[in-house]
């Protein structure tokens, strides 16, 4: 399954796919703005996946596009967590033990940010 996913994602994003991502990003930006009106802090972050899939042409292009659509000067992003050898069940979804480890790391980073903002 992962080999097929890598093969499918080792091609460039086409114009239609890019347009769809841009359209969905605009919808998400509106949702974020609505949430922030309620005095809620919104922090974006990347969820890791299978390294071999994350390093495909399409996945790299998607990450770059999202970073340009949600720039750090307009949106808050969590610092990237230390790279790990993440294992997925299907190339995208982390296996349970890795998901727990990722949540644990995420929890530490978020708590650190919250403690800094209260000081």
PDB file of N, CA and C in Angstrom:
ATOM      1  N   UNK A   1       0.824  -1.182   0.000  1.00  0.00           N
ATOM      2  CA  UNK A   1       0.000   0.000   0.000  1.00  0.00           C
ATOM      3  C   UNK A   1       0.878   1.260   0.000  1.00  0.00           C
ATOM      4  N   UNK A   2       1.929   1.250   0.816  1.00  0.00           N
ATOM      5  CA  UNK A   2       2.806   2.408   0.905  1.00  0.00           C
ATOM      6  C   UNK A   2       3.550   2.609  -0.406  1.00  0.00           C
ATOM      7  N   UNK A   3       3.984   1.517  -1.023  1.00  0.00           N
ATOM      8  CA  UNK A   3       4.683   1.626  -2.306  1.00  0.00           C
ATOM      9  C   UNK A   3       3.792   2.287  -3.354  1.00  0.00           C
ATOM     10  N   UNK A   4       2.525   1.938  -3.393  1.00  0.00           N
ATOM     11  CA  UNK A   4       1.589   2.544  -4.344  1.00  0.00           C
ATOM     12  C   UNK A   4       1.395   4.025  -4.043  1.00  0.00           C
ATOM     13  N   UNK A   5       1.297   4.351  -2.762  1.00  0.00           N
ATOM     14  CA  UNK A   5       1.133   5.740  -2.356  1.00  0.00           C
ATOM     15  C   UNK A   5       2.355   6.568  -2.769  1.00  0.00           C
ATOM     16  N   UNK A   6       3.531   6.024  -2.566  1.00  0.00           N
ATOM     17  CA  UNK A   6       4.767   6.715  -2.964  1.00  0.00           C
ATOM     18  C   UNK A   6       4.787   6.919  -4.475  1.00  0.00           C
ATOM     19  N   UNK A   7       4.419   5.905  -5.209  1.00  0.00           N
ATOM     20  CA  UNK A   7       4.375   6.019  -6.670  1.00  0.00           C
ATOM     21  C   UNK A   7       3.382   7.104  -7.101  1.00  0.00           C
ATOM     22  N   UNK A   8       2.203   7.113  -6.502  1.00  0.00           N
ATOM     23  CA  UNK A   8       1.175   8.102  -6.839  1.00  0.00           C
ATOM     24  C   UNK A   8       1.599   9.521  -6.472  1.00  0.00           C
ATOM     25  N   UNK A   9       2.383   9.658  -5.402  1.00  0.00           N
ATOM     26  CA  UNK A   9       2.748  10.992  -4.906  1.00  0.00           C
ATOM     27  C   UNK A   9       4.115  11.456  -5.388  1.00  0.00           C
ATOM     28  N   UNK A  10       4.738  10.689  -6.223  1.00  0.00           N
ATOM     29  CA  UNK A  10       6.016  11.126  -6.787  1.00  0.00           C
ATOM     30  C   UNK A  10       5.819  11.843  -8.109  1.00  0.00           C
ATOM     31  N   UNK A  11       4.624  12.367  -8.313  1.00  0.00           N
ATOM     32  CA  UNK A  11       4.343  13.215  -9.466  1.00  0.00           C
ATOM     33  C   UNK A  11       3.954  14.590  -8.932  1.00  0.00           C
ATOM     34  N   UNK A  12       4.105  15.612  -9.757  1.00  0.00           N
ATOM     35  CA  UNK A  12       3.819  16.968  -9.313  1.00  0.00           C
ATOM     36  C   UNK A  12       2.320  17.222  -9.191  1.00  0.00           C
ATOM     37  N   UNK A  13       1.983  18.175  -8.328  1.00  0.00           N
ATOM     38  CA  UNK A  13       0.599  18.623  -8.222  1.00  0.00           C
ATOM     39  C   UNK A  13       0.177  19.214  -9.549  1.00  0.00           C
ATOM     40  N   UNK A  14      -1.021  18.895  -9.989  1.00  0.00           N
ATOM     41  CA  UNK A  14      -1.499  19.531 -11.217  1.00  0.00           C
ATOM     42  C   UNK A  14      -2.285  20.791 -10.835  1.00  0.00           C
ATOM     43  N   UNK A  15      -2.633  21.579 -11.823  1.00  0.00           N
ATOM     44  CA  UNK A  15      -3.317  22.852 -11.601  1.00  0.00           C
ATOM     45  C   UNK A  15      -4.619  22.670 -10.850  1.00  0.00           C
ATOM     46  N   UNK A  16      -5.382  21.661 -11.195  1.00  0.00           N
ATOM     47  CA  UNK A  16      -6.666  21.419 -10.536  1.00  0.00           C
ATOM     48  C   UNK A  16      -6.467  21.099  -9.052  1.00  0.00           C
ATOM     49  N   UNK A  17      -5.460  20.287  -8.734  1.00  0.00           N
ATOM     50  CA  UNK A  17      -5.190  19.948  -7.339  1.00  0.00           C
ATOM     51  C   UNK A  17      -4.768  21.192  -6.555  1.00  0.00           C
ATOM     52  N   UNK A  18      -3.920  22.024  -7.165  1.00  0.00           N
ATOM     53  CA  UNK A  18      -3.495  23.256  -6.505  1.00  0.00           C
ATOM     54  C   UNK A  18      -4.693  24.167  -6.244  1.00  0.00           C
ATOM     55  N   UNK A  19      -5.562  24.300  -7.233  1.00  0.00           N
ATOM     56  CA  UNK A  19      -6.744  25.148  -7.072  1.00  0.00           C
ATOM     57  C   UNK A  19      -7.648  24.643  -5.956  1.00  0.00           C
ATOM     58  N   UNK A  20      -7.797  23.350  -5.851  1.00  0.00           N
ATOM     59  CA  UNK A  20      -8.613  22.764  -4.787  1.00  0.00           C
ATOM     60  C   UNK A  20      -8.006  23.059  -3.412  1.00  0.00           C
ATOM     61  N   UNK A  21      -6.696  22.926  -3.297  1.00  0.00           N
ATOM     62  CA  UNK A  21      -6.025  23.213  -2.024  1.00  0.00           C
ATOM     63  C   UNK A  21      -6.208  24.683  -1.660  1.00  0.00           C
ATOM     64  N   UNK A  22      -6.058  25.581  -2.638  1.00  0.00           N
ATOM     65  CA  UNK A  22      -6.233  27.009  -2.387  1.00  0.00           C
ATOM     66  C   UNK A  22      -7.664  27.300  -1.941  1.00  0.00           C
ATOM     67  N   UNK A  23      -8.631  26.686  -2.598  1.00  0.00           N
ATOM     68  CA  UNK A  23     -10.043  26.883  -2.241  1.00  0.00           C
ATOM     69  C   UNK A  23     -10.309  26.391  -0.815  1.00  0.00           C
ATOM     70  N   UNK A  24      -9.814  25.220  -0.488  1.00  0.00           N
ATOM     71  CA  UNK A  24     -10.011  24.675   0.851  1.00  0.00           C
ATOM     72  C   UNK A  24      -9.293  25.526   1.898  1.00  0.00           C
ATOM     73  N   UNK A  25      -8.123  26.054   1.535  1.00  0.00           N
ATOM     74  CA  UNK A  25      -7.377  26.909   2.458  1.00  0.00           C
ATOM     75  C   UNK A  25      -8.162  28.178   2.774  1.00  0.00           C
ATOM     76  N   UNK A  26      -8.820  28.742   1.781  1.00  0.00           N
ATOM     77  CA  UNK A  26      -9.631  29.946   2.009  1.00  0.00           C
ATOM     78  C   UNK A  26     -10.775  29.637   2.985  1.00  0.00           C
ATOM     79  N   UNK A  27     -11.391  28.490   2.834  1.00  0.00           N
ATOM     80  CA  UNK A  27     -12.452  28.072   3.752  1.00  0.00           C
ATOM     81  C   UNK A  27     -11.895  27.943   5.172  1.00  0.00           C
ATOM     82  N   UNK A  28     -10.734  27.320   5.300  1.00  0.00           N
ATOM     83  CA  UNK A  28     -10.108  27.133   6.615  1.00  0.00           C
ATOM     84  C   UNK A  28      -9.715  28.481   7.216  1.00  0.00           C
ATOM     85  N   UNK A  29      -9.204  29.386   6.400  1.00  0.00           N
ATOM     86  CA  UNK A  29      -8.849  30.721   6.898  1.00  0.00           C
ATOM     87  C   UNK A  29     -10.075  31.416   7.488  1.00  0.00           C
ATOM     88  N   UNK A  30     -11.206  31.276   6.826  1.00  0.00           N
ATOM     89  CA  UNK A  30     -12.443  31.874   7.348  1.00  0.00           C
ATOM     90  C   UNK A  30     -12.853  31.225   8.670  1.00  0.00           C
ATOM     91  N   UNK A  31     -12.690  29.918   8.754  1.00  0.00           N
ATOM     92  CA  UNK A  31     -13.008  29.229  10.007  1.00  0.00           C
ATOM     93  C   UNK A  31     -12.086  29.702  11.130  1.00  0.00           C
ATOM     94  N   UNK A  32     -10.815  29.846  10.822  1.00  0.00           N
ATOM     95  CA  UNK A  32      -9.852  30.315  11.820  1.00  0.00           C
ATOM     96  C   UNK A  32     -10.238  31.716  12.293  1.00  0.00           C
ATOM     97  N   UNK A  33     -10.574  32.592  11.364  1.00  0.00           N
ATOM     98  CA  UNK A  33     -10.972  33.955  11.723  1.00  0.00           C
ATOM     99  C   UNK A  33     -12.195  33.946  12.635  1.00  0.00           C
ATOM    100  N   UNK A  34     -13.168  33.094  12.341  1.00  0.00           N
ATOM    101  CA  UNK A  34     -14.361  32.991  13.184  1.00  0.00           C
ATOM    102  C   UNK A  34     -14.008  32.498  14.582  1.00  0.00           C
ATOM    103  N   UNK A  35     -13.140  31.533  14.657  1.00  0.00           N
ATOM    104  CA  UNK A  35     -12.720  30.986  15.956  1.00  0.00           C
ATOM    105  C   UNK A  35     -11.963  32.045  16.744  1.00  0.00           C
ATOM    106  N   UNK A  36     -11.088  32.781  16.074  1.00  0.00           N
ATOM    107  CA  UNK A  36     -10.291  33.796  16.755  1.00  0.00           C
ATOM    108  C   UNK A  36     -11.155  34.938  17.280  1.00  0.00           C
ATOM    109  N   UNK A  37     -12.309  35.182  16.674  1.00  0.00           N
ATOM    110  CA  UNK A  37     -13.236  36.209  17.169  1.00  0.00           C
ATOM    111  C   UNK A  37     -13.721  35.871  18.575  1.00  0.00           C
ATOM    112  N   UNK A  38     -13.656  34.615  18.920  1.00  0.00           N
ATOM    113  CA  UNK A  38     -14.080  34.159  20.251  1.00  0.00           C
ATOM    114  C   UNK A  38     -12.908  34.125  21.224  1.00  0.00           C
ATOM    115  N   UNK A  39     -11.829  34.815  20.870  1.00  0.00           N
ATOM    116  CA  UNK A  39     -10.627  34.908  21.711  1.00  0.00           C
ATOM    117  C   UNK A  39      -9.950  33.550  21.912  1.00  0.00           C
ATOM    118  N   UNK A  40      -9.980  32.735  20.875  1.00  0.00           N
ATOM    119  CA  UNK A  40      -9.325  31.434  20.907  1.00  0.00           C
ATOM    120  C   UNK A  40      -8.034  31.528  20.103  1.00  0.00           C
ATOM    121  N   UNK A  41      -6.978  31.020  20.662  1.00  0.00           N
ATOM    122  CA  UNK A  41      -5.673  31.007  20.001  1.00  0.00           C
ATOM    123  C   UNK A  41      -5.617  29.792  19.087  1.00  0.00           C
ATOM    124  N   UNK A  42      -5.336  30.015  17.807  1.00  0.00           N
ATOM    125  CA  UNK A  42      -5.253  28.935  16.826  1.00  0.00           C
ATOM    126  C   UNK A  42      -3.793  28.763  16.435  1.00  0.00           C
ATOM    127  N   UNK A  43      -3.302  27.549  16.608  1.00  0.00           N
ATOM    128  CA  UNK A  43      -1.911  27.243  16.274  1.00  0.00           C
ATOM    129  C   UNK A  43      -1.909  26.092  15.276  1.00  0.00           C
ATOM    130  N   UNK A  44      -1.280  26.304  14.152  1.00  0.00           N
ATOM    131  CA  UNK A  44      -1.209  25.283  13.108  1.00  0.00           C
ATOM    132  C   UNK A  44       0.028  24.410  13.325  1.00  0.00           C
ATOM    133  N   UNK A  45      -0.030  23.188  12.823  1.00  0.00           N
ATOM    134  CA  UNK A  45       1.123  22.295  12.937  1.00  0.00           C
ATOM    135  C   UNK A  45       1.060  21.219  11.864  1.00  0.00           C
ATOM    136  N   UNK A  46       2.219  20.654  11.595  1.00  0.00           N
ATOM    137  CA  UNK A  46       2.330  19.555  10.637  1.00  0.00           C
ATOM    138  C   UNK A  46       2.262  18.234  11.389  1.00  0.00           C
ATOM    139  N   UNK A  47       1.480  17.325  10.877  1.00  0.00           N
ATOM    140  CA  UNK A  47       1.421  15.982  11.449  1.00  0.00           C
ATOM    141  C   UNK A  47       2.373  15.109  10.630  1.00  0.00           C
ATOM    142  N   UNK A  48       3.270  14.412  11.300  1.00  0.00           N
ATOM    143  CA  UNK A  48       4.211  13.587  10.543  1.00  0.00           C
ATOM    144  C   UNK A  48       3.540  12.358   9.956  1.00  0.00           C
ATOM    145  N   UNK A  49       4.155  11.857   8.939  1.00  0.00           N
ATOM    146  CA  UNK A  49       3.686  10.624   8.324  1.00  0.00           C
ATOM    147  C   UNK A  49       4.880   9.734   8.030  1.00  0.00           C
ATOM    148  N   UNK A  50       4.657   8.767   7.222  1.00  0.00           N
ATOM    149  CA  UNK A  50       5.726   7.854   6.801  1.00  0.00           C
ATOM    150  C   UNK A  50       6.786   8.685   6.067  1.00  0.00           C
ATOM    151  N   UNK A  51       8.044   8.664   6.515  1.00  0.00           N
ATOM    152  CA  UNK A  51       9.075   9.493   5.874  1.00  0.00           C
ATOM    153  C   UNK A  51       9.167   9.310   4.359  1.00  0.00           C
ATOM    154  N   UNK A  52       9.031   8.101   3.884  1.00  0.00           N
ATOM    155  CA  UNK A  52       9.156   7.864   2.446  1.00  0.00           C
ATOM    156  C   UNK A  52       8.008   8.533   1.681  1.00  0.00           C
ATOM    157  N   UNK A  53       6.848   8.661   2.306  1.00  0.00           N
ATOM    158  CA  UNK A  53       5.712   9.339   1.685  1.00  0.00           C
ATOM    159  C   UNK A  53       5.874  10.852   1.831  1.00  0.00           C
ATOM    160  N   UNK A  54       6.278  11.307   3.018  1.00  0.00           N
ATOM    161  CA  UNK A  54       6.458  12.738   3.260  1.00  0.00           C
ATOM    162  C   UNK A  54       7.483  13.362   2.316  1.00  0.00           C
ATOM    163  N   UNK A  55       8.416  12.573   1.846  1.00  0.00           N
ATOM    164  CA  UNK A  55       9.477  13.092   0.977  1.00  0.00           C
ATOM    165  C   UNK A  55       9.169  12.963  -0.513  1.00  0.00           C
ATOM    166  N   UNK A  56       7.944  12.617  -0.859  1.00  0.00           N
ATOM    167  CA  UNK A  56       7.585  12.538  -2.277  1.00  0.00           C
ATOM    168  C   UNK A  56       7.393  13.943  -2.841  1.00  0.00           C
ATOM    169  N   UNK A  57       7.461  14.039  -4.134  1.00  0.00           N
ATOM    170  CA  UNK A  57       7.312  15.325  -4.820  1.00  0.00           C
ATOM    171  C   UNK A  57       6.015  16.019  -4.428  1.00  0.00           C
ATOM    172  N   UNK A  58       4.915  15.315  -4.516  1.00  0.00           N
ATOM    173  CA  UNK A  58       3.605  15.923  -4.246  1.00  0.00           C
ATOM    174  C   UNK A  58       3.493  16.372  -2.791  1.00  0.00           C
ATOM    175  N   UNK A  59       3.936  15.558  -1.853  1.00  0.00           N
ATOM    176  CA  UNK A  59       3.845  15.923  -0.443  1.00  0.00           C
ATOM    177  C   UNK A  59       4.682  17.155  -0.141  1.00  0.00           C
ATOM    178  N   UNK A  60       5.873  17.241  -0.713  1.00  0.00           N
ATOM    179  CA  UNK A  60       6.709  18.435  -0.514  1.00  0.00           C
ATOM    180  C   UNK A  60       6.016  19.669  -1.090  1.00  0.00           C
ATOM    181  N   UNK A  61       5.428  19.532  -2.280  1.00  0.00           N
ATOM    182  CA  UNK A  61       4.726  20.659  -2.900  1.00  0.00           C
ATOM    183  C   UNK A  61       3.521  21.089  -2.070  1.00  0.00           C
ATOM    184  N   UNK A  62       2.804  20.138  -1.532  1.00  0.00           N
ATOM    185  CA  UNK A  62       1.643  20.462  -0.694  1.00  0.00           C
ATOM    186  C   UNK A  62       2.093  21.232   0.541  1.00  0.00           C
ATOM    187  N   UNK A  63       3.152  20.751   1.214  1.00  0.00           N
ATOM    188  CA  UNK A  63       3.657  21.460   2.398  1.00  0.00           C
ATOM    189  C   UNK A  63       4.088  22.884   2.051  1.00  0.00           C
ATOM    190  N   UNK A  64       4.806  23.046   0.943  1.00  0.00           N
ATOM    191  CA  UNK A  64       5.245  24.379   0.534  1.00  0.00           C
ATOM    192  C   UNK A  64       4.052  25.279   0.221  1.00  0.00           C
ATOM    193  N   UNK A  65       3.054  24.742  -0.465  1.00  0.00           N
ATOM    194  CA  UNK A  65       1.868  25.516  -0.801  1.00  0.00           C
ATOM    195  C   UNK A  65       1.131  25.938   0.464  1.00  0.00           C
ATOM    196  N   UNK A  66       0.963  25.021   1.393  1.00  0.00           N
ATOM    197  CA  UNK A  66       0.267  25.352   2.636  1.00  0.00           C
ATOM    198  C   UNK A  66       1.032  26.395   3.437  1.00  0.00           C
ATOM    199  N   UNK A  67       2.342  26.299   3.463  1.00  0.00           N
ATOM    200  CA  UNK A  67       3.151  27.295   4.175  1.00  0.00           C
ATOM    201  C   UNK A  67       2.997  28.667   3.522  1.00  0.00           C
ATOM    202  N   UNK A  68       2.834  28.709   2.205  1.00  0.00           N
ATOM    203  CA  UNK A  68       2.642  29.996   1.537  1.00  0.00           C
ATOM    204  C   UNK A  68       1.221  30.523   1.742  1.00  0.00           C
ATOM    205  N   UNK A  69       0.252  29.636   1.858  1.00  0.00           N
ATOM    206  CA  UNK A  69      -1.141  30.039   2.075  1.00  0.00           C
ATOM    207  C   UNK A  69      -1.413  30.428   3.528  1.00  0.00           C
ATOM    208  N   UNK A  70      -0.613  29.875   4.431  1.00  0.00           N
ATOM    209  CA  UNK A  70      -0.738  30.170   5.856  1.00  0.00           C
ATOM    210  C   UNK A  70       0.625  30.646   6.374  1.00  0.00           C
ATOM    211  N   UNK A  71       1.078  31.833   5.923  1.00  0.00           N
ATOM    212  CA  UNK A  71       2.432  32.290   6.271  1.00  0.00           C
ATOM    213  C   UNK A  71       2.589  32.565   7.766  1.00  0.00           C
ATOM    214  N   UNK A  72       3.806  32.368   8.240  1.00  0.00           N
ATOM    215  CA  UNK A  72       4.091  32.532   9.668  1.00  0.00           C
ATOM    216  C   UNK A  72       3.872  33.960  10.154  1.00  0.00           C
ATOM    217  N   UNK A  73       3.916  34.935   9.252  1.00  0.00           N
ATOM    218  CA  UNK A  73       3.675  36.312   9.704  1.00  0.00           C
ATOM    219  C   UNK A  73       2.180  36.602   9.889  1.00  0.00           C
ATOM    220  N   UNK A  74       1.319  35.683   9.455  1.00  0.00           N
ATOM    221  CA  UNK A  74      -0.125  35.859   9.618  1.00  0.00           C
ATOM    222  C   UNK A  74      -0.778  34.764  10.455  1.00  0.00           C
ATOM    223  N   UNK A  75      -0.120  33.622  10.554  1.00  0.00           N
ATOM    224  CA  UNK A  75      -0.665  32.479  11.288  1.00  0.00           C
ATOM    225  C   UNK A  75       0.409  31.932  12.208  1.00  0.00           C
ATOM    226  N   UNK A  76      -0.028  31.491  13.375  1.00  0.00           N
ATOM    227  CA  UNK A  76       0.923  30.909  14.323  1.00  0.00           C
ATOM    228  C   UNK A  76       1.099  29.420  14.023  1.00  0.00           C
ATOM    229  N   UNK A  77       2.345  29.008  13.930  1.00  0.00           N
ATOM    230  CA  UNK A  77       2.692  27.609  13.682  1.00  0.00           C
ATOM    231  C   UNK A  77       3.495  27.086  14.859  1.00  0.00           C
ATOM    232  N   UNK A  78       3.241  25.856  15.239  1.00  0.00           N
ATOM    233  CA  UNK A  78       4.087  25.207  16.234  1.00  0.00           C
ATOM    234  C   UNK A  78       5.460  24.984  15.617  1.00  0.00           C
ATOM    235  N   UNK A  79       6.496  25.061  16.438  1.00  0.00           N
ATOM    236  CA  UNK A  79       7.805  24.687  15.896  1.00  0.00           C
ATOM    237  C   UNK A  79       7.749  23.215  15.485  1.00  0.00           C
ATOM    238  N   UNK A  80       8.530  22.886  14.478  1.00  0.00           N
ATOM    239  CA  UNK A  80       8.520  21.490  14.032  1.00  0.00           C
ATOM    240  C   UNK A  80       9.103  20.610  15.124  1.00  0.00           C
ATOM    241  N   UNK A  81       8.440  19.513  15.345  1.00  0.00           N
ATOM    242  CA  UNK A  81       8.906  18.561  16.349  1.00  0.00           C
ATOM    243  C   UNK A  81      10.104  17.796  15.794  1.00  0.00           C
ATOM    244  N   UNK A  82      10.913  17.255  16.680  1.00  0.00           N
ATOM    245  CA  UNK A  82      12.069  16.493  16.204  1.00  0.00           C
ATOM    246  C   UNK A  82      11.637  15.389  15.240  1.00  0.00           C
ATOM    247  N   UNK A  83      12.399  15.251  14.187  1.00  0.00           N
ATOM    248  CA  UNK A  83      12.089  14.214  13.203  1.00  0.00           C
ATOM    249  C   UNK A  83      12.208  12.854  13.871  1.00  0.00           C
ATOM    250  N   UNK A  84      11.332  11.987  13.530  1.00  0.00           N
ATOM    251  CA  UNK A  84      11.360  10.641  14.073  1.00  0.00           C
ATOM    252  C   UNK A  84      11.184   9.645  12.951  1.00  0.00           C
ATOM    253  N   UNK A  85      11.355   8.429  13.291  1.00  0.00           N
ATOM    254  CA  UNK A  85      11.100   7.373  12.307  1.00  0.00           C
ATOM    255  C   UNK A  85       9.665   6.932  12.532  1.00  0.00           C
ATOM    256  N   UNK A  86       8.759   7.748  12.031  1.00  0.00           N
ATOM    257  CA  UNK A  86       7.350   7.486  12.234  1.00  0.00           C
ATOM    258  C   UNK A  86       6.899   6.304  11.391  1.00  0.00           C
ATOM    259  N   UNK A  87       6.026   5.507  11.953  1.00  0.00           N
ATOM    260  CA  UNK A  87       5.500   4.331  11.264  1.00  0.00           C
ATOM    261  C   UNK A  87       3.996   4.519  11.109  1.00  0.00           C
ATOM    262  N   UNK A  88       3.527   4.254   9.923  1.00  0.00           N
ATOM    263  CA  UNK A  88       2.099   4.396   9.654  1.00  0.00           C
ATOM    264  C   UNK A  88       1.502   3.044   9.280  1.00  0.00           C
ATOM    265  N   UNK A  89       0.197   3.011   9.348  1.00  0.00           N
ATOM    266  CA  UNK A  89      -0.498   1.786   8.951  1.00  0.00           C
ATOM    267  C   UNK A  89      -0.736   1.760   7.445  1.00  0.00           C
ATOM    268  N   UNK A  90      -0.728   2.952   6.844  1.00  0.00           N
ATOM    269  CA  UNK A  90      -1.070   3.040   5.424  1.00  0.00           C
ATOM    270  C   UNK A  90      -0.282   4.103   4.669  1.00  0.00           C
ATOM    271  N   UNK A  91       0.785   4.616   5.268  1.00  0.00           N
ATOM    272  CA  UNK A  91       1.578   5.660   4.637  1.00  0.00           C
ATOM    273  C   UNK A  91       1.180   7.043   5.108  1.00  0.00           C
ATOM    274  N   UNK A  92       0.028   7.157   5.759  1.00  0.00           N
ATOM    275  CA  UNK A  92      -0.476   8.460   6.197  1.00  0.00           C
ATOM    276  C   UNK A  92      -0.784   8.465   7.698  1.00  0.00           C
ATOM    277  N   UNK A  93      -1.521   7.497   8.170  1.00  0.00           N
ATOM    278  CA  UNK A  93      -1.994   7.468   9.555  1.00  0.00           C
ATOM    279  C   UNK A  93      -0.999   6.734  10.453  1.00  0.00           C
ATOM    280  N   UNK A  94      -0.542   7.433  11.503  1.00  0.00           N
ATOM    281  CA  UNK A  94       0.417   6.837  12.423  1.00  0.00           C
ATOM    282  C   UNK A  94      -0.192   5.628  13.135  1.00  0.00           C
ATOM    283  N   UNK A  95       0.647   4.607  13.347  1.00  0.00           N
ATOM    284  CA  UNK A  95       0.200   3.477  14.152  1.00  0.00           C
ATOM    285  C   UNK A  95      -0.007   3.993  15.574  1.00  0.00           C
ATOM    286  N   UNK A  96      -0.772   3.276  16.350  1.00  0.00           N
ATOM    287  CA  UNK A  96      -1.185   3.751  17.670  1.00  0.00           C
ATOM    288  C   UNK A  96      -0.003   4.149  18.558  1.00  0.00           C
ATOM    289  N   UNK A  97       1.041   3.349  18.611  1.00  0.00           N
ATOM    290  CA  UNK A  97       2.169   3.672  19.489  1.00  0.00           C
ATOM    291  C   UNK A  97       2.860   4.958  19.034  1.00  0.00           C
ATOM    292  N   UNK A  98       2.990   5.166  17.731  1.00  0.00           N
ATOM    293  CA  UNK A  98       3.599   6.393  17.216  1.00  0.00           C
ATOM    294  C   UNK A  98       2.687   7.587  17.420  1.00  0.00           C
ATOM    295  N   UNK A  99       1.389   7.382  17.284  1.00  0.00           N
ATOM    296  CA  UNK A  99       0.437   8.477  17.516  1.00  0.00           C
ATOM    297  C   UNK A  99       0.526   8.935  18.974  1.00  0.00           C
ATOM    298  N   UNK A 100       0.644   7.985  19.889  1.00  0.00           N
ATOM    299  CA  UNK A 100       0.776   8.338  21.307  1.00  0.00           C
ATOM    300  C   UNK A 100       2.069   9.104  21.551  1.00  0.00           C
ATOM    301  N   UNK A 101       3.154   8.678  20.929  1.00  0.00           N
ATOM    302  CA  UNK A 101       4.440   9.369  21.079  1.00  0.00           C
ATOM    303  C   UNK A 101       4.357  10.775  20.504  1.00  0.00           C
ATOM    304  N   UNK A 102       3.727  10.913  19.355  1.00  0.00           N
ATOM    305  CA  UNK A 102       3.590  12.231  18.739  1.00  0.00           C
ATOM    306  C   UNK A 102       2.755  13.152  19.630  1.00  0.00           C
ATOM    307  N   UNK A 103       1.659  12.652  20.162  1.00  0.00           N
ATOM    308  CA  UNK A 103       0.808  13.452  21.050  1.00  0.00           C
ATOM    309  C   UNK A 103       1.587  13.858  22.293  1.00  0.00           C
ATOM    310  N   UNK A 104       2.403  12.971  22.807  1.00  0.00           N
ATOM    311  CA  UNK A 104       3.214  13.290  23.977  1.00  0.00           C
ATOM    312  C   UNK A 104       4.179  14.431  23.661  1.00  0.00           C
ATOM    313  N   UNK A 105       4.848  14.362  22.505  1.00  0.00           N
ATOM    314  CA  UNK A 105       5.754  15.435  22.093  1.00  0.00           C
ATOM    315  C   UNK A 105       4.983  16.728  21.862  1.00  0.00           C
ATOM    316  N   UNK A 106       3.844  16.624  21.212  1.00  0.00           N
ATOM    317  CA  UNK A 106       3.000  17.782  20.935  1.00  0.00           C
ATOM    318  C   UNK A 106       2.553  18.434  22.242  1.00  0.00           C
ATOM    319  N   UNK A 107       2.173  17.626  23.207  1.00  0.00           N
ATOM    320  CA  UNK A 107       1.743  18.122  24.507  1.00  0.00           C
ATOM    321  C   UNK A 107       2.854  18.931  25.180  1.00  0.00           C
ATOM    322  N   UNK A 108       4.085  18.429  25.126  1.00  0.00           N
ATOM    323  CA  UNK A 108       5.214  19.148  25.734  1.00  0.00           C
ATOM    324  C   UNK A 108       5.419  20.510  25.071  1.00  0.00           C
ATOM    325  N   UNK A 109       5.362  20.539  23.744  1.00  0.00           N
ATOM    326  CA  UNK A 109       5.576  21.787  23.007  1.00  0.00           C
ATOM    327  C   UNK A 109       4.454  22.785  23.302  1.00  0.00           C
ATOM    328  N   UNK A 110       3.217  22.322  23.286  1.00  0.00           N
ATOM    329  CA  UNK A 110       2.079  23.211  23.540  1.00  0.00           C
ATOM    330  C   UNK A 110       2.138  23.750  24.972  1.00  0.00           C
ATOM    331  N   UNK A 111       2.444  22.905  25.941  1.00  0.00           N
ATOM    332  CA  UNK A 111       2.545  23.365  27.328  1.00  0.00           C
ATOM    333  C   UNK A 111       3.657  24.389  27.490  1.00  0.00           C
ATOM    334  N   UNK A 112       4.749  24.199  26.806  1.00  0.00           N
ATOM    335  CA  UNK A 112       5.849  25.159  26.844  1.00  0.00           C
ATOM    336  C   UNK A 112       5.387  26.505  26.293  1.00  0.00           C
ATOM    337  N   UNK A 113       4.672  26.480  25.171  1.00  0.00           N
ATOM    338  CA  UNK A 113       4.141  27.716  24.582  1.00  0.00           C
ATOM    339  C   UNK A 113       3.161  28.401  25.519  1.00  0.00           C
ATOM    340  N   UNK A 114       2.290  27.622  26.138  1.00  0.00           N
ATOM    341  CA  UNK A 114       1.306  28.193  27.054  1.00  0.00           C
ATOM    342  C   UNK A 114       1.986  28.807  28.272  1.00  0.00           C
ATOM    343  N   UNK A 115       3.006  28.151  28.787  1.00  0.00           N
ATOM    344  CA  UNK A 115       3.732  28.686  29.940  1.00  0.00           C
ATOM    345  C   UNK A 115       4.457  29.976  29.571  1.00  0.00           C
ATOM    346  N   UNK A 116       4.999  30.051  28.369  1.00  0.00           N
ATOM    347  CA  UNK A 116       5.685  31.261  27.918  1.00  0.00           C
ATOM    348  C   UNK A 116       4.705  32.413  27.765  1.00  0.00           C
ATOM    349  N   UNK A 117       3.504  32.126  27.293  1.00  0.00           N
ATOM    350  CA  UNK A 117       2.537  33.213  27.088  1.00  0.00           C
ATOM    351  C   UNK A 117       1.953  33.722  28.393  1.00  0.00           C
ATOM    352  N   UNK A 118       2.021  32.912  29.459  1.00  0.00           N
ATOM    353  CA  UNK A 118       1.509  33.345  30.762  1.00  0.00           C
ATOM    354  C   UNK A 118       2.557  34.108  31.562  1.00  0.00           C
ATOM    355  N   UNK A 119       3.801  34.055  31.133  1.00  0.00           N
ATOM    356  CA  UNK A 119       4.885  34.751  31.861  1.00  0.00           C
ATOM    357  C   UNK A 119       5.109  36.138  31.351  1.00  0.00           C
TER     358      UNK A 119
END
